[in-house]
Amino acid sequence: RFRVLETGSRMIHPGDPVASARGEFVGEVTSCALCPVRRGGGEVQQQVGMAYVLGKAAREGSRLAIYPLPRGKKGAPEENPRDRVRPGDRTVLPEYAEVLPRFRNPDDEPSEGD
């Protein structure tokens, strides 16, 4: 299980690649959804999902970089090799996530009415 650290980030989808904090490819996303989370006296929608990752990247609290691949007709931006990057070139940027415990903490229950 993982939680995307920023709210309002690009939506994560099944098949999106997952890298370790050091940039090593470690797996891919299997599912992701928006979940209500209490924060600062209010409630926000945060992405929570699951991914198949190598064991060493699955430690609770580990940071992951998830690359939300562009969807639709445009597809991913064409990228130049890193030694030929020029101003104005586009690339896919990661959304950062944290590995959660295997089972949800009872204190993280959704608010009443959910």
Protein backbone atom coordinates (compact mmCIF):
# COMPACT_ATOMS: atom_id res chain seq x y z
CA ARG A 1 0.00 0.00 0.00
CA PHE A 2 1.13 3.55 -0.65
CA ARG A 3 -0.08 7.09 -0.07
CA VAL A 4 0.74 9.94 -2.46
CA LEU A 5 2.28 12.72 -0.37
CA GLU A 6 0.79 15.74 -2.17
CA THR A 7 -2.91 16.41 -2.55
CA GLY A 8 -4.04 17.69 -5.94
CA SER A 9 -1.37 15.75 -7.84
CA ARG A 10 -1.87 13.92 -11.14
CA MET A 11 -3.99 10.80 -10.77
CA ILE A 12 -2.04 7.55 -10.50
CA HIS A 13 -3.27 4.63 -12.66
CA PRO A 14 -2.61 0.89 -12.88
CA GLY A 15 0.54 0.21 -14.87
CA ASP A 16 2.32 3.42 -13.87
CA PRO A 17 6.00 2.67 -13.13
CA VAL A 18 7.35 2.88 -9.58
CA ALA A 19 10.95 3.76 -8.68
CA SER A 20 12.80 3.81 -5.39
CA ALA A 21 13.92 7.10 -3.86
CA ARG A 22 17.28 6.42 -5.57
CA GLY A 23 15.69 6.18 -9.02
CA GLU A 24 15.81 2.39 -9.43
CA PHE A 25 12.76 0.84 -11.13
CA VAL A 26 11.12 -1.38 -8.48
CA GLY A 27 7.62 -2.20 -9.79
CA GLU A 28 4.30 -0.90 -11.00
CA VAL A 29 0.99 0.37 -9.66
CA THR A 30 -1.91 -2.12 -9.55
CA SER A 31 -4.65 0.21 -8.25
CA CYS A 32 -5.22 3.69 -6.85
CA ALA A 33 -8.20 5.66 -5.54
CA LEU A 34 -9.02 8.93 -3.82
CA CYS A 35 -9.76 8.46 -0.12
CA PRO A 36 -10.96 10.98 2.47
CA VAL A 37 -8.31 11.76 5.09
CA ARG A 38 -8.65 14.03 8.12
CA ARG A 39 -6.03 16.76 8.18
CA GLY A 40 -5.83 20.00 10.14
CA GLY A 41 -9.41 19.88 11.42
CA GLY A 42 -10.76 19.27 7.91
CA GLU A 43 -10.91 16.54 5.36
CA VAL A 44 -8.94 16.21 2.12
CA GLN A 45 -8.93 13.67 -0.71
CA GLN A 46 -5.66 11.77 -0.90
CA GLN A 47 -4.56 9.09 -3.34
CA VAL A 48 -4.04 5.68 -1.76
CA GLY A 49 -3.11 2.65 -3.81
CA MET A 50 -1.35 -0.63 -4.18
CA ALA A 51 1.67 -1.62 -6.23
CA TYR A 52 3.81 -4.66 -6.88
CA VAL A 53 7.31 -3.65 -5.81
CA LEU A 54 10.57 -5.42 -4.99
CA GLY A 55 10.83 -6.41 -1.33
CA LYS A 56 13.56 -3.91 -0.50
CA ALA A 57 11.30 -1.03 -1.61
CA ALA A 58 8.28 -2.29 0.35
CA ARG A 59 9.45 -1.28 3.82
CA GLU A 60 6.91 0.78 5.74
CA GLY A 61 7.81 4.48 5.51
CA SER A 62 9.97 4.07 2.38
CA ARG A 63 9.66 6.78 -0.25
CA LEU A 64 8.63 5.88 -3.78
CA ALA A 65 8.56 7.87 -7.00
CA ILE A 66 5.54 7.03 -9.15
CA TYR A 67 5.53 8.21 -12.75
CA PRO A 68 1.93 8.93 -13.84
CA LEU A 69 2.10 8.18 -17.54
CA PRO A 70 0.11 10.51 -19.79
CA ARG A 71 -3.20 9.06 -20.97
CA GLY A 72 -5.21 9.84 -24.04
CA LYS A 73 -4.35 10.60 -27.63
CA LYS A 74 -1.20 12.61 -26.96
CA GLY A 75 0.59 9.86 -25.01
CA ALA A 76 3.90 10.42 -23.28
CA PRO A 77 6.06 13.34 -24.40
CA GLU A 78 8.91 12.33 -26.64
CA GLU A 79 12.10 12.59 -24.64
CA ASN A 80 15.62 13.28 -25.81
CA PRO A 81 18.50 11.28 -24.33
CA ARG A 82 19.62 12.95 -21.08
CA ASP A 83 22.83 14.22 -22.69
CA ARG A 84 20.80 16.10 -25.33
CA VAL A 85 18.18 17.83 -23.20
CA ARG A 86 17.46 21.38 -24.33
CA PRO A 87 15.38 24.21 -22.87
CA GLY A 88 11.71 23.60 -23.63
CA ASP A 89 12.00 19.78 -23.78
CA ARG A 90 9.31 17.91 -21.83
CA THR A 91 9.57 14.94 -19.50
CA VAL A 92 7.37 12.92 -17.16
CA LEU A 93 7.84 14.00 -13.53
CA PRO A 94 7.18 11.71 -10.58
CA GLU A 95 4.64 11.98 -7.82
CA TYR A 96 6.19 11.01 -4.49
CA ALA A 97 4.55 8.45 -2.24
CA GLU A 98 5.16 6.72 1.06
CA VAL A 99 4.80 2.99 1.75
CA LEU A 100 2.00 2.42 4.27
CA PRO A 101 1.65 -0.44 6.75
CA ARG A 102 0.02 -3.57 5.37
CA PHE A 103 -3.13 -3.03 7.44
CA ARG A 104 -4.89 0.28 7.92
CA ASN A 105 -4.62 2.01 11.30
CA PRO A 106 -8.07 2.19 13.01
CA ASP A 107 -7.36 5.86 13.81
CA ASP A 108 -7.43 6.59 10.04
CA GLU A 109 -11.15 5.80 9.77
CA PRO A 110 -13.13 8.02 7.35
CA SER A 111 -15.35 10.67 8.89
CA GLU A 112 -19.00 9.96 9.72
CA GLY A 113 -21.32 9.67 6.76
CA ASP A 114 -18.74 8.03 4.49
